[in-house]
């Protein structure tokens, strides 16, 4: 790394964990580019659809343990 970057990293590492996490989040977020409003609207629509299905009783739910076992089996096959 370049010297200024090394110095900045050293300063950041002296922050308390909460501040380091906030800094890391902000830095990563700055790489994402502008917010995709269409994607945000699509997620909101999907959330509303899922809530409505849950409330109507038409959504098939699985216990976490069953889902976890299925995921572990899939990962072991890889």
N, C-alpha and C. Protein backbone atom coordinates (compact mmCIF):
# COMPACT_ATOMS: atom_id res chain seq x y z
N UNK A 1 0.84 -1.19 0.00
CA UNK A 1 0.00 0.00 0.00
C UNK A 1 0.88 1.24 0.00
N UNK A 2 0.31 2.29 -0.49
CA UNK A 2 1.02 3.56 -0.45
C UNK A 2 1.03 4.10 0.98
N UNK A 3 2.00 4.92 1.28
CA UNK A 3 2.18 5.43 2.64
C UNK A 3 0.93 6.11 3.20
N UNK A 4 0.28 7.04 2.45
CA UNK A 4 -0.93 7.67 3.01
C UNK A 4 -2.02 6.63 3.33
N UNK A 5 -2.12 5.62 2.47
CA UNK A 5 -3.13 4.59 2.71
C UNK A 5 -2.76 3.76 3.93
N UNK A 6 -1.49 3.46 4.09
CA UNK A 6 -1.03 2.73 5.28
C UNK A 6 -1.35 3.51 6.55
N UNK A 7 -1.12 4.81 6.51
CA UNK A 7 -1.39 5.66 7.68
C UNK A 7 -2.88 5.71 7.99
N UNK A 8 -3.69 5.82 6.94
CA UNK A 8 -5.14 5.85 7.12
C UNK A 8 -5.63 4.52 7.71
N UNK A 9 -5.11 3.42 7.20
CA UNK A 9 -5.49 2.11 7.72
C UNK A 9 -5.10 1.99 9.20
N UNK A 10 -3.92 2.43 9.54
CA UNK A 10 -3.46 2.36 10.93
C UNK A 10 -4.40 3.16 11.83
N UNK A 11 -4.82 4.34 11.37
CA UNK A 11 -5.76 5.15 12.16
C UNK A 11 -7.11 4.43 12.30
N UNK A 12 -7.57 3.86 11.20
CA UNK A 12 -8.87 3.18 11.23
C UNK A 12 -8.83 1.99 12.18
N UNK A 13 -7.72 1.27 12.21
CA UNK A 13 -7.62 0.10 13.07
C UNK A 13 -7.57 0.46 14.55
N UNK A 14 -7.28 1.71 14.86
CA UNK A 14 -7.29 2.15 16.26
C UNK A 14 -8.69 2.53 16.74
N UNK A 15 -9.66 2.59 15.84
CA UNK A 15 -11.03 2.90 16.22
C UNK A 15 -11.62 1.74 17.00
N UNK A 16 -12.65 2.05 17.80
CA UNK A 16 -13.32 0.96 18.50
C UNK A 16 -14.11 0.14 17.48
N UNK A 17 -14.45 -1.10 17.80
CA UNK A 17 -15.10 -1.99 16.83
C UNK A 17 -16.36 -1.41 16.19
N UNK A 18 -17.18 -0.73 16.97
CA UNK A 18 -18.42 -0.17 16.42
C UNK A 18 -18.10 0.88 15.35
N UNK A 19 -17.15 1.76 15.62
CA UNK A 19 -16.78 2.79 14.64
C UNK A 19 -16.12 2.17 13.42
N UNK A 20 -15.30 1.12 13.62
CA UNK A 20 -14.67 0.45 12.48
C UNK A 20 -15.74 -0.18 11.59
N UNK A 21 -16.75 -0.79 12.21
CA UNK A 21 -17.82 -1.41 11.44
C UNK A 21 -18.59 -0.37 10.64
N UNK A 22 -18.87 0.77 11.27
CA UNK A 22 -19.58 1.85 10.57
C UNK A 22 -18.75 2.38 9.41
N UNK A 23 -17.45 2.56 9.63
CA UNK A 23 -16.56 3.03 8.58
C UNK A 23 -16.51 2.03 7.43
N UNK A 24 -16.38 0.74 7.77
CA UNK A 24 -16.34 -0.30 6.73
C UNK A 24 -17.63 -0.31 5.92
N UNK A 25 -18.76 -0.17 6.60
CA UNK A 25 -20.05 -0.15 5.92
C UNK A 25 -20.14 1.03 4.95
N UNK A 26 -19.72 2.19 5.41
CA UNK A 26 -19.75 3.38 4.56
C UNK A 26 -18.82 3.23 3.35
N UNK A 27 -17.63 2.68 3.58
CA UNK A 27 -16.69 2.49 2.47
C UNK A 27 -17.24 1.50 1.45
N UNK A 28 -17.78 0.38 1.93
CA UNK A 28 -18.35 -0.59 1.01
C UNK A 28 -19.54 -0.02 0.26
N UNK A 29 -20.37 0.72 0.98
CA UNK A 29 -21.53 1.35 0.34
C UNK A 29 -21.15 2.33 -0.75
N UNK A 30 -20.00 2.98 -0.57
CA UNK A 30 -19.57 3.96 -1.58
C UNK A 30 -19.16 3.29 -2.88
N UNK A 31 -18.94 1.98 -2.86
CA UNK A 31 -18.57 1.25 -4.07
C UNK A 31 -19.78 0.78 -4.86
N UNK A 32 -20.95 0.83 -4.25
CA UNK A 32 -22.16 0.31 -4.88
C UNK A 32 -22.71 1.20 -5.98
N UNK A 33 -22.37 2.44 -5.98
CA UNK A 33 -22.94 3.36 -6.95
C UNK A 33 -24.30 3.84 -6.48
N UNK A 34 -25.01 4.52 -7.35
CA UNK A 34 -26.30 5.09 -6.96
C UNK A 34 -27.34 3.99 -6.69
N UNK A 35 -28.26 4.32 -5.82
CA UNK A 35 -29.33 3.38 -5.47
C UNK A 35 -30.19 3.10 -6.69
N UNK A 36 -30.54 1.85 -6.88
CA UNK A 36 -31.41 1.44 -7.98
C UNK A 36 -32.85 1.50 -7.48
N UNK A 37 -33.55 2.56 -7.83
CA UNK A 37 -34.91 2.77 -7.31
C UNK A 37 -35.87 1.70 -7.81
N UNK A 38 -35.65 1.19 -9.04
CA UNK A 38 -36.51 0.12 -9.55
C UNK A 38 -36.34 -1.14 -8.72
N UNK A 39 -35.10 -1.44 -8.34
CA UNK A 39 -34.85 -2.63 -7.53
C UNK A 39 -35.49 -2.46 -6.16
N UNK A 40 -35.36 -1.28 -5.57
CA UNK A 40 -35.97 -1.02 -4.26
C UNK A 40 -37.48 -1.21 -4.33
N UNK A 41 -38.10 -0.68 -5.36
CA UNK A 41 -39.56 -0.82 -5.52
C UNK A 41 -39.93 -2.29 -5.73
N UNK A 42 -39.12 -3.02 -6.49
CA UNK A 42 -39.40 -4.44 -6.73
C UNK A 42 -39.31 -5.23 -5.43
N UNK A 43 -38.30 -4.92 -4.59
CA UNK A 43 -38.19 -5.60 -3.30
C UNK A 43 -39.38 -5.28 -2.40
N UNK A 44 -39.82 -4.04 -2.40
CA UNK A 44 -40.98 -3.67 -1.58
C UNK A 44 -42.22 -4.42 -2.05
N UNK A 45 -42.40 -4.54 -3.37
CA UNK A 45 -43.53 -5.29 -3.91
C UNK A 45 -43.44 -6.76 -3.50
N UNK A 46 -42.24 -7.34 -3.60
CA UNK A 46 -42.05 -8.74 -3.24
C UNK A 46 -42.33 -8.97 -1.76
N UNK A 47 -41.89 -8.07 -0.92
CA UNK A 47 -42.15 -8.19 0.52
C UNK A 47 -43.66 -8.15 0.78
N UNK A 48 -44.35 -7.23 0.14
CA UNK A 48 -45.81 -7.13 0.33
C UNK A 48 -46.50 -8.40 -0.17
N UNK A 49 -46.03 -8.95 -1.28
CA UNK A 49 -46.61 -10.19 -1.83
C UNK A 49 -46.43 -11.34 -0.84
N UNK A 50 -45.23 -11.44 -0.28
CA UNK A 50 -44.95 -12.53 0.67
C UNK A 50 -45.74 -12.37 1.97
N UNK A 51 -45.87 -11.14 2.46
CA UNK A 51 -46.66 -10.90 3.67
C UNK A 51 -48.12 -11.26 3.43
N UNK A 52 -48.64 -10.86 2.27
CA UNK A 52 -50.03 -11.17 1.94
C UNK A 52 -50.24 -12.68 1.86
N UNK A 53 -49.30 -13.41 1.25
CA UNK A 53 -49.41 -14.87 1.15
C UNK A 53 -49.34 -15.51 2.52
N UNK A 54 -48.47 -14.99 3.37
CA UNK A 54 -48.35 -15.51 4.73
C UNK A 54 -49.65 -15.29 5.50
N UNK A 55 -50.20 -14.09 5.41
CA UNK A 55 -51.43 -13.78 6.12
C UNK A 55 -52.62 -14.57 5.58
N UNK A 56 -52.59 -14.88 4.28
CA UNK A 56 -53.69 -15.65 3.67
C UNK A 56 -53.54 -17.14 3.93
N UNK A 57 -52.40 -17.54 4.45
CA UNK A 57 -52.18 -18.96 4.72
C UNK A 57 -51.83 -19.77 3.49
N UNK A 58 -51.46 -19.13 2.40
CA UNK A 58 -51.13 -19.84 1.17
C UNK A 58 -49.63 -20.07 0.99
N UNK A 59 -48.85 -19.62 1.93
CA UNK A 59 -47.40 -19.76 1.86
C UNK A 59 -46.98 -21.02 2.61
N UNK A 60 -46.17 -21.85 1.95
CA UNK A 60 -45.69 -23.07 2.60
C UNK A 60 -44.48 -22.72 3.45
N UNK A 61 -44.57 -22.95 4.74
CA UNK A 61 -43.48 -22.65 5.66
C UNK A 61 -42.75 -23.93 6.05
N UNK A 62 -41.44 -23.80 6.30
CA UNK A 62 -40.64 -24.93 6.73
C UNK A 62 -39.92 -24.57 8.02
N UNK A 63 -39.79 -25.53 8.91
CA UNK A 63 -39.02 -25.26 10.13
C UNK A 63 -37.55 -25.02 9.78
N UNK A 64 -36.88 -24.15 10.55
CA UNK A 64 -35.49 -23.83 10.29
C UNK A 64 -34.62 -25.08 10.25
N UNK A 65 -34.84 -26.03 11.15
CA UNK A 65 -34.00 -27.23 11.19
C UNK A 65 -34.08 -28.00 9.87
N UNK A 66 -35.25 -28.08 9.26
CA UNK A 66 -35.39 -28.78 7.98
C UNK A 66 -34.65 -28.04 6.88
N UNK A 67 -34.75 -26.74 6.87
CA UNK A 67 -34.05 -25.93 5.87
C UNK A 67 -32.54 -26.08 6.05
N UNK A 68 -32.10 -26.04 7.29
CA UNK A 68 -30.67 -26.16 7.59
C UNK A 68 -30.12 -27.50 7.10
N UNK A 69 -30.84 -28.57 7.33
CA UNK A 69 -30.41 -29.90 6.89
C UNK A 69 -30.32 -29.93 5.36
N UNK A 70 -31.32 -29.38 4.69
CA UNK A 70 -31.31 -29.36 3.22
C UNK A 70 -30.12 -28.57 2.69
N UNK A 71 -29.81 -27.44 3.30
CA UNK A 71 -28.66 -26.62 2.87
C UNK A 71 -27.36 -27.39 3.10
N UNK A 72 -27.23 -28.02 4.26
CA UNK A 72 -26.02 -28.78 4.57
C UNK A 72 -25.82 -29.92 3.58
N UNK A 73 -26.89 -30.62 3.20
CA UNK A 73 -26.79 -31.70 2.22
C UNK A 73 -26.32 -31.16 0.87
N UNK A 74 -26.86 -30.03 0.48
CA UNK A 74 -26.48 -29.41 -0.80
C UNK A 74 -25.01 -29.03 -0.78
N UNK A 75 -24.56 -28.46 0.32
CA UNK A 75 -23.15 -28.05 0.43
C UNK A 75 -22.21 -29.24 0.44
N UNK A 76 -22.63 -30.35 1.05
CA UNK A 76 -21.77 -31.54 1.09
C UNK A 76 -21.60 -32.14 -0.31
N UNK A 77 -22.60 -31.98 -1.18
CA UNK A 77 -22.54 -32.52 -2.55
C UNK A 77 -21.52 -31.77 -3.41
N UNK A 78 -21.17 -30.57 -3.01
CA UNK A 78 -20.26 -29.77 -3.83
C UNK A 78 -18.84 -30.23 -3.70
